[in-house]
């Protein structure tokens, strides 16, 4: 499904001219090698663009290389020269070692690389003529690495020499590049097709994507842009071990993916990974997503939801749309009238996948395919489950991730398996992973007092419990009719903490939450008798002893006079939500009924 979808997406991109045609690669070029008509290098021209990038609170200038379309680059690890080479070791045959240029190294790689470059390119340009091609031919024939160890143009590049890309131009005409010469391009395209025709006779089988009898790709192009992957790229499909082979097939002949399909899916995936609007980094996992259309409205909206939107107007617009979406809860579908953002087709197919590098290959952590309207609907339901107040506030996946980490540790990361399970649950509308609940409970117990419980953590717990039971066990606000022991214990803990704070005039650095919250949420029968005795000393110092005494007695009365011995995972979550909702209720204004009855309640 994934390879087929990427091939289809390539066709969409090709119609828009957003992907490279077959036989070409995108290469980052930093400098131009200016050649005189007799093939001498008369200068090195900086071919980079200057852009403004943020640096703290200010902007600074930075040079970035230009992406040029050049003849397809080799992906082999050994010595293998490109036509119109861009790598300095091949072009110049020199290593830069401690600011010294030298053709010598232990394996003679510089010498062999330059020789391969010269032979391959002389053979390729045979019969071709133009001022620039003739200058390039002269350069190939006359450049001697041993005589260029003190070349001022190369030494002037410093450390940039070895990590830069190069292209050839004629002196005085930096706009005319070698690989863009008409004769050169025509020869390359014919040469590439001839090479493909020869390869077609090597291994013919039925393509798993198109079903046609055609040439099968032996090695697949590398995928770049996945966080943590190799700088040279990693393969998505690869067979390197004899145990993975079947019926005598070697390497990717086992996959039965044609050369055409291989080029399409790798080009489409590299395009997606090169765009910041099609991917999200969640710790070690790269999440890639795309809609089967030519626009990016779907991707932009999903990016806003996943990462949170810094633009206030867009954030408010996204929240309004999500709030409207889950007003259709009774229908179970999303109508077009709810998709209020321009350019969104609710019926378009939408794909999302998680990638993580594994040695030299990529590991597919999850793959989702749905109609975009269904994804929006499930996201809206998920956001609805997370709400802990009357006003709607969307919670990004990145915010959820932050709540699973300690604020003290800078190197801590969330397990990619948990993140992928969370993404799948959100997109598919299924129950949330158990590990999510375990992580939130651990953070609530481990973090200091003020950081223990907030709206996001309480919302995650509420969503997990409600989805696990497939009904609304926990409501958005305080539920005075919820008589489950764990929920009541959480409410009681909030009341006892508030009594302590009121008695001290809110001047305490540590409250019972710092010392007893973790144990009270796990073993209530051991902790609460002691906390209740302690609260009796504080009641005489509060402004509203009658209100607190009445509220405490009401909660304990529903517990039937006894506290649970042990609270397990789900019950500990109920405890935390009960605590959060009861504590937040102390900051709400008096309602009209309480004003009429004249009951005492702290504001």
Protein backbone atom coordinates (compact mmCIF):
# COMPACT_ATOMS: atom_id res chain seq x y z
CA UNK A 1 0.00 0.00 0.00
CA UNK A 2 2.75 2.47 0.94
CA UNK A 3 4.86 2.02 -2.22
CA UNK A 4 1.77 2.17 -4.43
CA UNK A 5 0.56 5.37 -2.69
CA UNK A 6 3.95 7.04 -3.08
CA UNK A 7 4.03 6.15 -6.79
CA UNK A 8 0.59 7.72 -7.23
CA UNK A 9 1.74 10.79 -5.32
CA UNK A 10 4.78 11.05 -7.58
CA UNK A 11 2.46 11.25 -10.61
CA UNK A 12 0.57 14.10 -8.93
CA UNK A 13 3.81 15.94 -8.15
CA UNK A 14 5.18 15.35 -11.66
CA UNK A 15 2.15 17.10 -13.22
CA UNK A 16 2.95 20.12 -11.03
CA UNK A 17 6.65 19.99 -11.88
CA UNK A 18 7.56 19.50 -8.20
CA UNK A 19 9.74 16.41 -8.60
CA UNK A 20 12.78 15.64 -10.69
CA UNK A 21 12.35 13.84 -14.02
CA UNK A 22 13.83 10.39 -14.28
CA UNK A 23 17.59 10.36 -14.73
CA UNK A 24 18.34 13.46 -12.65
CA UNK A 25 19.29 14.26 -9.07
CA UNK A 26 19.04 17.39 -6.97
CA UNK A 27 22.55 18.40 -5.88
CA UNK A 28 23.58 21.14 -3.46
CA UNK A 29 26.16 23.32 -5.20
CA UNK A 30 28.27 25.75 -3.15
CA UNK A 31 30.86 26.89 -5.70
CA UNK A 32 31.43 27.17 -9.45
CA UNK A 33 34.73 26.18 -11.05
CA UNK A 34 35.42 28.86 -13.66
CA UNK A 35 37.43 27.50 -16.63
CA UNK A 36 39.29 29.42 -19.29
CA UNK A 37 38.94 28.26 -22.92
CA UNK A 38 42.19 26.28 -22.63
CA UNK A 39 40.90 24.42 -19.52
CA UNK A 40 42.71 26.28 -16.74
CA UNK A 41 40.86 27.09 -13.53
CA UNK A 42 41.03 30.86 -13.20
CA UNK A 43 38.80 31.26 -10.13
CA UNK A 44 36.28 29.71 -7.73
CA UNK A 45 32.91 31.52 -7.65
CA UNK A 46 30.64 31.46 -4.61
CA UNK A 47 27.29 30.11 -5.85
CA UNK A 48 25.38 30.26 -2.55
CA UNK A 49 22.34 32.33 -1.59
CA UNK A 50 22.33 34.63 1.44
CA UNK A 51 19.26 34.20 3.64
CA UNK A 52 18.07 35.59 6.98
CA UNK A 53 17.71 32.99 9.75
CA UNK A 54 16.63 33.49 13.39
CA UNK A 55 19.39 33.57 15.99
CA UNK A 56 17.88 34.05 19.43
CA UNK A 57 15.83 37.24 19.30
CA UNK A 58 17.69 38.59 16.26
CA UNK A 59 18.10 37.58 12.62
CA UNK A 60 21.45 36.77 11.11
CA UNK A 61 22.68 36.19 7.58
CA UNK A 62 23.58 32.69 6.47
CA UNK A 63 24.84 31.29 3.17
CA UNK A 64 23.01 28.23 1.80
CA UNK A 65 23.91 26.23 -1.33
CA UNK A 66 21.68 26.20 -4.39
CA UNK A 67 19.88 23.01 -5.42
CA UNK A 68 20.74 22.24 -9.05
CA UNK A 69 19.32 19.52 -11.30
CA UNK A 70 22.29 17.41 -12.41
CA UNK A 71 22.71 14.02 -14.10
CA UNK A 72 21.69 11.25 -11.72
CA UNK A 73 24.21 10.72 -8.93
CA UNK A 74 25.66 7.34 -8.02
CA UNK A 75 24.57 5.68 -4.77
CA UNK A 76 27.39 3.15 -4.58
CA UNK A 77 29.70 3.24 -1.57
CA UNK A 78 32.88 2.40 -3.51
CA UNK A 79 34.73 4.51 -6.07
CA UNK A 80 32.19 5.39 -8.75
CA UNK A 81 32.40 8.67 -10.68
CA UNK A 82 29.45 10.78 -11.78
CA UNK A 83 29.03 12.48 -15.12
CA UNK A 84 29.65 16.20 -14.44
CA UNK A 85 31.01 15.34 -11.01
CA UNK A 86 30.35 17.60 -8.00
CA UNK A 87 32.57 16.00 -5.33
CA UNK A 88 35.96 17.68 -4.76
CA UNK A 89 37.92 14.46 -4.19
CA UNK A 90 36.97 13.22 -7.67
CA UNK A 91 37.36 16.60 -9.43
CA UNK A 92 40.68 17.69 -7.93
CA UNK A 93 42.17 14.42 -6.60
CA UNK A 94 43.30 16.24 -3.44
CA UNK A 95 42.69 15.76 0.28
CA UNK A 96 42.76 18.70 2.68
CA UNK A 97 44.72 17.63 5.75
CA UNK A 98 45.52 20.27 8.38
CA UNK A 99 45.25 23.11 5.84
CA UNK A 100 47.53 21.23 3.44
CA UNK A 101 46.40 19.87 0.07
CA UNK A 102 47.83 16.47 -0.75
CA UNK A 103 47.08 13.76 -3.33
CA UNK A 104 48.51 11.09 -1.04
CA UNK A 105 46.54 8.92 1.36
CA UNK A 106 46.85 5.41 2.76
CA UNK A 107 44.53 3.74 0.24
CA UNK A 108 45.28 6.02 -2.76
CA UNK A 109 41.56 6.87 -2.82
CA UNK A 110 42.15 10.43 -4.03
CA UNK A 111 44.23 9.27 -6.96
CA UNK A 112 41.81 6.48 -7.92
CA UNK A 113 38.77 8.74 -7.58
CA UNK A 114 40.23 11.44 -9.83
CA UNK A 115 41.31 8.86 -12.39
CA UNK A 116 37.79 7.36 -12.46
CA UNK A 117 36.31 10.86 -12.90
CA UNK A 118 38.63 11.69 -15.81
CA UNK A 119 38.06 8.40 -17.65
CA UNK A 120 34.28 8.40 -17.26
CA UNK A 121 33.81 12.02 -18.33
CA UNK A 122 36.29 11.92 -21.25
CA UNK A 123 34.44 8.92 -22.59
CA UNK A 124 31.07 10.64 -22.10
CA UNK A 125 31.92 13.93 -23.89
CA UNK A 126 33.60 12.22 -26.84
CA UNK A 127 32.17 13.78 -30.00
CA UNK A 128 30.62 16.72 -28.12
CA UNK A 129 31.80 20.27 -28.80
CA UNK A 130 31.07 23.74 -27.43
CA UNK A 131 33.36 26.35 -25.84
CA UNK A 132 32.50 25.09 -22.33
CA UNK A 133 32.65 21.38 -23.21
CA UNK A 134 36.01 21.87 -24.94
CA UNK A 135 37.31 23.75 -21.87
CA UNK A 136 36.07 20.91 -19.65
CA UNK A 137 37.86 18.37 -21.88
CA UNK A 138 41.08 20.34 -21.58
CA UNK A 139 40.68 20.50 -17.80
CA UNK A 140 40.30 16.72 -17.63
CA UNK A 141 43.39 16.13 -19.73
CA UNK A 142 45.66 18.73 -18.13
CA UNK A 143 44.79 18.83 -14.40
CA UNK A 144 47.56 17.20 -12.36
CA UNK A 145 46.78 16.93 -8.61
CA UNK A 146 50.48 16.77 -7.72
CA UNK A 147 51.03 20.22 -9.26
CA UNK A 148 48.05 21.85 -7.49
CA UNK A 149 48.90 21.30 -3.81
CA UNK A 150 49.44 25.03 -3.35
CA UNK A 151 46.47 26.21 -5.41
CA UNK A 152 45.37 29.46 -3.77
CA UNK A 153 41.74 29.17 -4.90
CA UNK A 154 41.32 25.78 -3.25
CA UNK A 155 43.30 26.68 -0.12
CA UNK A 156 41.19 29.83 0.20
CA UNK A 157 38.08 27.69 0.75
CA UNK A 158 39.56 26.33 3.98
CA UNK A 159 37.39 23.72 5.70
CA UNK A 160 34.63 24.29 3.14
CA UNK A 161 36.77 22.63 0.47
CA UNK A 162 35.91 19.03 1.32
CA UNK A 163 32.25 19.44 2.29
CA UNK A 164 31.09 21.54 -0.66
CA UNK A 165 29.55 20.73 -4.04
CA UNK A 166 30.97 22.10 -7.30
CA UNK A 167 29.80 22.73 -10.86
CA UNK A 168 31.70 23.89 -13.98
CA UNK A 169 31.21 27.14 -15.91
CA UNK A 170 33.11 29.09 -18.56
CA UNK A 171 35.14 32.12 -17.50
CA UNK A 172 33.02 35.26 -17.69
CA UNK A 173 29.78 33.28 -18.03
CA UNK A 174 28.80 31.93 -14.59
CA UNK A 175 25.18 31.64 -15.79
CA UNK A 176 26.14 28.91 -18.29
CA UNK A 177 26.83 25.62 -16.53
CA UNK A 178 28.37 22.49 -18.03
CA UNK A 179 25.55 20.10 -17.18
CA UNK A 180 23.00 22.54 -18.69
CA UNK A 181 24.70 22.69 -22.11
CA UNK A 182 22.22 21.55 -24.78
CA UNK A 183 24.51 18.92 -26.32
CA UNK A 184 25.54 17.69 -22.90
CA UNK A 185 21.91 17.25 -21.74
CA UNK A 186 20.84 15.50 -24.92
CA UNK A 187 23.76 13.10 -24.71
CA UNK A 188 23.03 12.39 -21.04
CA UNK A 189 19.34 11.63 -21.59
CA UNK A 190 20.12 9.28 -24.47
CA UNK A 191 22.94 7.65 -22.50
CA UNK A 192 20.66 7.13 -19.50
CA UNK A 193 17.90 5.52 -21.60
CA UNK A 194 20.46 3.21 -23.26
CA UNK A 195 21.72 2.21 -19.83
CA UNK A 196 18.17 1.44 -18.68
CA UNK A 197 17.51 -0.62 -21.80
CA UNK A 198 20.55 -2.77 -21.05
CA UNK A 199 19.44 -3.25 -17.45
CA UNK A 200 15.98 -4.41 -18.58
CA UNK A 201 17.49 -7.63 -19.84
CA UNK A 202 19.04 -8.40 -16.46
CA UNK A 203 16.01 -9.44 -14.38
CA UNK A 204 12.50 -9.46 -15.81
CA UNK A 205 9.55 -10.23 -13.55
CA UNK A 206 6.06 -9.03 -12.70
CA UNK A 207 6.12 -5.63 -11.00
CA UNK A 208 4.31 -5.80 -7.64
CA UNK A 209 3.01 -2.24 -8.15
CA UNK A 210 1.82 -2.09 -11.76
CA UNK A 211 1.48 -5.81 -12.49
CA UNK A 212 3.51 -5.45 -15.70
CA UNK A 213 6.38 -7.68 -16.82
CA UNK A 214 9.35 -5.34 -16.59
CA UNK A 215 12.86 -4.82 -15.24
CA UNK A 216 13.08 -5.26 -11.46
CA UNK A 217 15.28 -2.90 -9.41
CA UNK A 218 18.23 -4.67 -7.82
CA UNK A 219 19.16 -1.78 -5.49
CA UNK A 220 16.76 0.91 -4.30
CA UNK A 221 17.65 4.59 -4.07
CA UNK A 222 18.38 5.98 -0.63
CA UNK A 223 15.96 8.03 1.42
CA UNK A 224 17.31 11.21 3.02
CA UNK A 225 15.87 13.53 5.65
CA UNK A 226 14.87 10.99 8.30
CA UNK A 227 16.07 12.09 11.74
CA UNK A 228 18.95 9.94 12.98
CA UNK A 229 19.52 8.33 9.59
CA UNK A 230 22.82 8.20 7.72
CA UNK A 231 23.96 11.41 6.05
CA UNK A 232 24.17 9.53 2.76
CA UNK A 233 20.62 8.22 3.22
CA UNK A 234 19.02 4.90 4.13
CA UNK A 235 16.98 2.44 2.10
CA UNK A 236 13.34 1.66 2.78
CA UNK A 237 13.51 -1.63 0.87
CA UNK A 238 16.68 -3.66 1.15
CA UNK A 239 17.81 -7.29 1.38
CA UNK A 240 21.41 -7.70 2.50
CA UNK A 241 21.46 -11.07 4.26
CA UNK A 242 21.35 -14.47 2.53
CA UNK A 243 18.60 -15.55 4.95
CA UNK A 244 16.30 -12.91 3.44
CA UNK A 245 16.64 -14.25 -0.10
CA UNK A 246 14.15 -16.60 -1.72
CA UNK A 247 14.06 -18.63 -4.96
CA UNK A 248 17.65 -17.69 -5.69
CA UNK A 249 16.92 -13.96 -5.90
CA UNK A 250 19.47 -11.57 -4.46
CA UNK A 251 19.08 -8.14 -2.85
CA UNK A 252 15.94 -6.20 -3.86
CA UNK A 253 15.06 -8.65 -6.62
CA UNK A 254 13.12 -10.24 -3.76
CA UNK A 255 10.79 -7.25 -3.58
CA UNK A 256 9.63 -7.39 -7.24
CA UNK A 257 9.50 -3.59 -7.51
CA UNK A 258 10.36 -2.28 -10.95
CA UNK A 259 12.98 0.33 -11.72
CA UNK A 260 10.22 2.77 -12.67
CA UNK A 261 8.25 2.24 -9.45
CA UNK A 262 11.42 2.38 -7.38
CA UNK A 263 12.42 5.73 -8.86
CA UNK A 264 8.91 7.09 -8.34
CA UNK A 265 8.43 6.12 -4.70
CA UNK A 266 11.94 7.14 -3.61
CA UNK A 267 11.66 10.51 -5.38
CA UNK A 268 8.22 11.18 -3.84
CA UNK A 269 9.36 10.23 -0.35
CA UNK A 270 12.50 12.33 -0.60
CA UNK A 271 10.33 15.25 -1.71
CA UNK A 272 8.09 14.84 1.35
CA UNK A 273 11.06 14.58 3.70
CA UNK A 274 12.64 17.71 2.25
CA UNK A 275 9.58 19.80 3.14
CA UNK A 276 8.87 21.05 6.66
CA UNK A 277 5.13 21.07 5.87
CA UNK A 278 5.02 17.31 5.35
CA UNK A 279 6.86 15.99 8.38
CA UNK A 280 6.97 16.26 12.15
CA UNK A 281 9.80 15.13 14.41
CA UNK A 282 8.64 13.30 17.54
CA UNK A 283 11.84 12.55 19.42
CA UNK A 284 13.53 9.76 17.41
CA UNK A 285 10.62 9.20 15.04
CA UNK A 286 9.95 11.16 11.86
CA UNK A 287 6.23 11.38 11.05
CA UNK A 288 5.47 11.97 7.35
CA UNK A 289 2.03 12.83 5.99
CA UNK A 290 0.47 13.87 2.70
CA UNK A 291 -2.88 14.28 0.94
CA UNK A 292 -3.48 12.94 -2.55
CA UNK A 293 -3.96 16.37 -4.09
CA UNK A 294 -1.85 19.20 -5.45
CA UNK A 295 -2.33 21.67 -2.58
CA UNK A 296 -0.99 21.68 0.96
CA UNK A 297 -4.05 22.94 2.88
CA UNK A 298 -4.63 19.53 4.49
CA UNK A 299 -0.99 19.21 5.55
CA UNK A 300 -0.89 22.76 6.91
CA UNK A 301 -3.95 22.21 9.08
CA UNK A 302 -2.62 18.91 10.41
CA UNK A 303 0.72 20.57 11.14
CA UNK A 304 -1.09 23.25 13.15
CA UNK A 305 -2.91 20.59 15.17
CA UNK A 306 0.15 18.41 15.77
CA UNK A 307 2.68 21.10 16.60
CA UNK A 308 0.50 23.96 17.78
CA UNK A 309 0.30 27.17 15.75
CA UNK A 310 2.36 30.19 16.70
CA UNK A 311 0.22 32.48 14.55
CA UNK A 312 -2.66 33.57 16.82
CA UNK A 313 -5.19 34.09 14.04
CA UNK A 314 -4.55 30.65 12.56
CA UNK A 315 -4.61 29.07 16.01
CA UNK A 316 -8.01 30.60 16.77
CA UNK A 317 -9.30 29.53 13.36
CA UNK A 318 -8.12 25.95 13.91
CA UNK A 319 -9.67 25.79 17.38
CA UNK A 320 -13.00 27.12 16.09
CA UNK A 321 -13.07 24.45 13.40
CA UNK A 322 -12.26 21.64 15.85
CA UNK A 323 -14.87 22.91 18.28
CA UNK A 324 -17.48 22.84 15.49
CA UNK A 325 -16.43 19.37 14.39
CA UNK A 326 -17.25 17.64 17.64
CA UNK A 327 -20.63 19.36 17.78
CA UNK A 328 -21.60 16.66 15.25
CA UNK A 329 -21.02 13.91 17.82
CA UNK A 330 -24.47 12.48 17.27
CA UNK A 331 -23.95 12.09 13.52
CA UNK A 332 -20.57 10.37 13.62
CA UNK A 333 -19.55 12.02 10.34
CA UNK A 334 -18.05 15.28 9.24
CA UNK A 335 -20.03 17.33 6.77
CA UNK A 336 -18.48 19.74 4.30
CA UNK A 337 -20.07 22.68 6.10
CA UNK A 338 -17.84 21.98 9.09
CA UNK A 339 -14.62 22.25 7.06
CA UNK A 340 -14.45 26.00 7.18
CA UNK A 341 -10.83 26.41 6.02
CA UNK A 342 -10.32 27.23 2.35
CA UNK A 343 -8.83 24.69 -0.02
CA UNK A 344 -9.70 21.54 1.98
CA UNK A 345 -11.32 18.55 0.28
CA UNK A 346 -12.78 16.34 3.01
CA UNK A 347 -12.92 13.29 0.69
CA UNK A 348 -9.27 13.28 -0.33
CA UNK A 349 -7.18 10.25 0.72
CA UNK A 350 -4.71 11.13 3.45
CA UNK A 351 -1.64 9.10 4.47
CA UNK A 352 0.50 9.25 7.58
CA UNK A 353 3.49 7.12 8.55
CA UNK A 354 6.25 7.00 11.16
CA UNK A 355 9.87 6.31 10.15
CA UNK A 356 12.83 5.46 12.33
CA UNK A 357 16.35 4.54 11.12
CA UNK A 358 17.54 0.99 11.80
CA UNK A 359 21.17 0.46 10.82
CA UNK A 360 21.31 1.36 7.10
CA UNK A 361 17.59 0.78 6.59
CA UNK A 362 14.41 2.54 7.66
CA UNK A 363 11.92 0.99 10.02
CA UNK A 364 8.23 1.72 9.34
CA UNK A 365 6.66 2.24 12.79
CA UNK A 366 3.09 2.83 11.62
CA UNK A 367 1.07 3.56 8.50
CA UNK A 368 -2.40 5.13 8.34
CA UNK A 369 -4.63 5.69 5.32
CA UNK A 370 -8.00 7.43 5.73
CA UNK A 371 -10.25 10.00 4.17
CA UNK A 372 -9.20 13.40 5.41
CA UNK A 373 -12.66 14.09 6.86
CA UNK A 374 -12.40 10.91 8.97
CA UNK A 375 -9.01 11.97 10.27
CA UNK A 376 -10.33 15.41 11.20
CA UNK A 377 -13.32 13.83 12.89
CA UNK A 378 -11.12 11.51 15.00
CA UNK A 379 -8.78 14.37 15.88
CA UNK A 380 -11.77 16.45 16.98
CA UNK A 381 -13.02 13.56 19.14
CA UNK A 382 -9.56 13.20 20.65
CA UNK A 383 -9.41 16.93 21.42
CA UNK A 384 -12.89 16.72 22.94
CA UNK A 385 -11.74 13.87 25.19
CA UNK A 386 -8.82 15.99 26.42
CA UNK A 387 -10.91 19.00 27.47
CA UNK A 388 -10.99 19.86 31.20
CA UNK A 389 -13.00 23.10 31.09
CA UNK A 390 -15.94 24.82 29.48
CA UNK A 391 -13.76 26.79 27.05
CA UNK A 392 -12.27 24.73 24.23
CA UNK A 393 -8.46 24.71 23.94
CA UNK A 394 -6.77 22.39 21.45
CA UNK A 395 -3.81 20.41 22.77
CA UNK A 396 -1.00 19.67 20.29
CA UNK A 397 0.72 16.31 20.19
CA UNK A 398 3.96 18.12 21.07
CA UNK A 399 2.37 19.49 24.25
CA UNK A 400 1.29 15.98 25.21
CA UNK A 401 4.84 14.77 24.61
CA UNK A 402 6.25 17.48 26.88
CA UNK A 403 3.91 16.39 29.68
CA UNK A 404 5.46 12.91 29.55
CA UNK A 405 8.96 14.24 30.25
CA UNK A 406 10.67 15.59 33.34
CA UNK A 407 11.37 19.31 33.16
CA UNK A 408 14.69 18.75 34.92
CA UNK A 409 16.11 16.31 32.36
CA UNK A 410 17.16 17.79 29.02
CA UNK A 411 18.14 14.45 27.44
CA UNK A 412 15.08 12.40 28.34
CA UNK A 413 13.00 11.15 25.40
CA UNK A 414 9.63 9.49 24.96
CA UNK A 415 9.62 5.91 23.70
CA UNK A 416 8.95 6.00 19.91
CA UNK A 417 6.66 2.98 20.30
CA UNK A 418 4.47 5.02 22.67
CA UNK A 419 4.37 8.00 20.30
CA UNK A 420 3.47 5.84 17.30
CA UNK A 421 0.72 4.10 19.30
CA UNK A 422 -0.60 7.49 20.43
CA UNK A 423 -0.65 8.80 16.86
CA UNK A 424 -2.50 5.72 15.63
CA UNK A 425 -5.03 5.98 18.46
CA UNK A 426 -5.66 9.64 17.68
CA UNK A 427 -6.03 9.14 13.92
CA UNK A 428 -8.10 5.94 14.15
CA UNK A 429 -10.23 6.96 17.15
CA UNK A 430 -9.28 3.88 19.17
CA UNK A 431 -8.36 3.41 22.84
CA UNK A 432 -5.16 5.03 24.02
CA UNK A 433 -2.06 2.93 24.84
CA UNK A 434 -1.58 1.69 28.42
CA UNK A 435 1.99 3.02 28.38
CA UNK A 436 0.60 6.55 27.97
CA UNK A 437 -1.32 6.24 31.24
CA UNK A 438 1.70 4.73 32.99
CA UNK A 439 3.94 7.60 31.86
CA UNK A 440 1.51 10.30 32.96
CA UNK A 441 1.02 8.70 36.41
CA UNK A 442 4.78 8.41 36.87
CA UNK A 443 5.28 12.08 36.04
CA UNK A 444 2.43 13.17 38.35
CA UNK A 445 3.98 11.29 41.25
CA UNK A 446 7.58 12.28 40.55
CA UNK A 447 7.29 15.99 39.73
CA UNK A 448 7.27 18.70 42.43
CA UNK A 449 4.00 20.04 43.83
CA UNK A 450 3.03 22.81 41.39
CA UNK A 451 4.00 20.70 38.36
CA UNK A 452 2.22 17.49 39.34
CA UNK A 453 -1.26 17.96 37.92
CA UNK A 454 -2.37 20.38 35.20
CA UNK A 455 -5.21 20.49 32.69
CA UNK A 456 -3.29 18.59 30.02
CA UNK A 457 -2.23 15.71 32.28
CA UNK A 458 -5.69 15.46 33.81
CA UNK A 459 -7.18 15.56 30.30
CA UNK A 460 -4.92 12.75 29.09
CA UNK A 461 -5.97 10.60 32.05
CA UNK A 462 -9.67 11.38 31.50
CA UNK A 463 -9.38 10.55 27.80
CA UNK A 464 -7.59 7.27 28.54
CA UNK A 465 -10.22 6.12 31.09
CA UNK A 466 -13.22 7.11 28.97
CA UNK A 467 -11.84 5.44 25.85
CA UNK A 468 -10.88 2.30 27.76
CA UNK A 469 -14.41 1.90 29.14
CA UNK A 470 -16.07 3.17 25.90
CA UNK A 471 -18.30 5.51 27.90
CA UNK A 472 -18.03 8.83 29.71
CA UNK A 473 -16.99 7.73 33.19
CA UNK A 474 -15.29 11.07 33.85
CA UNK A 475 -16.87 14.37 32.86
CA UNK A 476 -15.27 17.64 31.80
CA UNK A 477 -15.98 19.42 35.12
CA UNK A 478 -16.45 18.35 38.73
CA UNK A 479 -18.98 15.52 38.96
CA UNK A 480 -20.64 15.56 42.38
CA UNK A 481 -22.62 12.46 41.43
CA UNK A 482 -19.56 10.34 40.77
CA UNK A 483 -19.34 8.10 43.85
CA UNK A 484 -16.49 5.86 42.70
CA UNK A 485 -14.11 5.47 45.70
CA UNK A 486 -10.96 6.53 43.80
CA UNK A 487 -12.62 9.69 42.43
CA UNK A 488 -13.95 10.58 45.90
CA UNK A 489 -10.49 10.06 47.44
CA UNK A 490 -9.00 12.48 44.90
CA UNK A 491 -11.68 15.06 45.71
CA UNK A 492 -11.05 14.62 49.43
CA UNK A 493 -7.31 15.11 49.02
CA UNK A 494 -7.96 18.41 47.22
CA UNK A 495 -10.26 19.56 50.07
CA UNK A 496 -7.70 18.66 52.74
CA UNK A 497 -4.94 20.46 50.84
CA UNK A 498 -7.13 23.56 50.44
CA UNK A 499 -7.88 23.54 54.19
CA UNK A 500 -4.14 23.47 54.92
CA UNK A 501 -3.47 26.33 52.49
CA UNK A 502 -6.32 28.49 53.82
CA UNK A 503 -5.16 27.96 57.42
CA UNK A 504 -1.65 29.17 56.58
CA UNK A 505 -2.77 32.09 54.44
CA UNK A 506 -1.30 30.35 51.38
CA UNK A 507 2.21 30.91 52.71
CA UNK A 508 3.44 27.30 52.76
CA UNK A 509 6.35 26.20 50.59
CA UNK A 510 5.29 22.56 50.96
CA UNK A 511 1.80 21.15 51.36
CA UNK A 512 0.45 17.65 51.86
CA UNK A 513 0.57 17.29 48.07
CA UNK A 514 4.38 17.29 48.18
CA UNK A 515 4.61 14.68 50.91
CA UNK A 516 1.58 12.44 50.52
CA UNK A 517 0.10 12.68 47.00
CA UNK A 518 1.85 9.63 45.54
CA UNK A 519 1.12 7.38 48.53
CA UNK A 520 -2.46 8.63 48.90
CA UNK A 521 -3.20 7.85 45.24
CA UNK A 522 -1.93 4.28 45.67
CA UNK A 523 -2.76 3.32 49.32
CA UNK A 524 -5.63 5.57 50.55
CA UNK A 525 -6.44 3.49 53.67
CA UNK A 526 -2.91 4.05 55.00
CA UNK A 527 -2.63 7.79 54.33
CA UNK A 528 -6.07 9.39 54.67
CA UNK A 529 -6.74 8.72 58.40
CA UNK A 530 -3.56 10.64 59.19
CA UNK A 531 -4.44 13.49 56.80
CA UNK A 532 -7.93 13.84 58.24
CA UNK A 533 -6.56 14.06 61.80
CA UNK A 534 -4.13 16.73 60.62
CA UNK A 535 -6.91 18.74 59.00
CA UNK A 536 -8.70 19.09 62.34
CA UNK A 537 -5.87 21.32 63.59
CA UNK A 538 -6.28 23.54 60.52
CA UNK A 539 -10.06 23.90 60.46
CA UNK A 540 -10.14 26.39 63.33
CA UNK A 541 -7.87 28.74 61.35
CA UNK A 542 -9.83 28.89 58.07
CA UNK A 543 -12.40 31.55 57.18
CA UNK A 544 -15.12 29.05 56.25
CA UNK A 545 -14.87 26.08 58.63
CA UNK A 546 -18.53 25.15 58.20
CA UNK A 547 -18.23 24.86 54.42
CA UNK A 548 -15.08 22.73 54.54
CA UNK A 549 -16.39 20.56 57.38
CA UNK A 550 -19.62 19.95 55.47
CA UNK A 551 -17.80 19.18 52.20
CA UNK A 552 -15.38 16.79 53.91
CA UNK A 553 -18.20 14.96 55.66
CA UNK A 554 -20.20 14.72 52.43
CA UNK A 555 -17.31 13.09 50.54
CA UNK A 556 -16.42 10.70 53.37
CA UNK A 557 -20.10 9.77 53.71
CA UNK A 558 -20.17 8.50 50.12
CA UNK A 559 -17.11 6.37 50.90
CA UNK A 560 -19.26 4.35 53.34
CA UNK A 561 -16.81 5.07 56.13
CA UNK A 562 -13.85 3.22 54.64
CA UNK A 563 -10.97 3.97 52.30
CA UNK A 564 -9.77 1.53 49.59
CA UNK A 565 -6.67 -0.45 50.52
CA UNK A 566 -5.08 -0.23 47.05
CA UNK A 567 -5.81 1.74 43.90
CA UNK A 568 -4.70 0.25 40.61
CA UNK A 569 -3.83 1.97 37.31
CA UNK A 570 -7.28 3.14 36.24
CA UNK A 571 -8.30 4.03 39.81
CA UNK A 572 -5.17 6.09 40.33
CA UNK A 573 -6.17 8.02 37.21
CA UNK A 574 -9.65 8.60 38.68
CA UNK A 575 -7.99 9.85 41.88
CA UNK A 576 -5.94 12.42 39.94
CA UNK A 577 -8.89 13.66 37.88
CA UNK A 578 -11.05 13.91 41.01
CA UNK A 579 -8.31 15.88 42.74
CA UNK A 580 -7.85 18.25 39.79
CA UNK A 581 -11.54 18.94 39.27
CA UNK A 582 -12.28 19.49 42.96
CA UNK A 583 -9.29 21.80 43.38
CA UNK A 584 -10.23 23.84 40.29
CA UNK A 585 -13.78 24.23 41.61
CA UNK A 586 -12.44 26.33 44.52
CA UNK A 587 -11.51 29.04 42.03
CA UNK A 588 -14.87 29.21 40.33
CA UNK A 589 -17.30 32.01 41.18
CA UNK A 590 -20.32 31.32 43.43
CA UNK A 591 -23.30 30.23 41.44
CA UNK A 592 -26.71 31.79 41.92
CA UNK A 593 -28.13 28.97 43.98
CA UNK A 594 -25.34 29.18 46.56
CA UNK A 595 -25.86 32.95 46.80
CA UNK A 596 -29.57 32.47 47.44
CA UNK A 597 -28.99 29.81 50.08
CA UNK A 598 -26.35 31.92 51.81
CA UNK A 599 -23.98 28.97 52.10
CA UNK A 600 -20.42 29.74 53.03
CA UNK A 601 -17.81 29.08 50.38
CA UNK A 602 -14.37 30.54 49.85
CA UNK A 603 -13.96 32.48 46.61
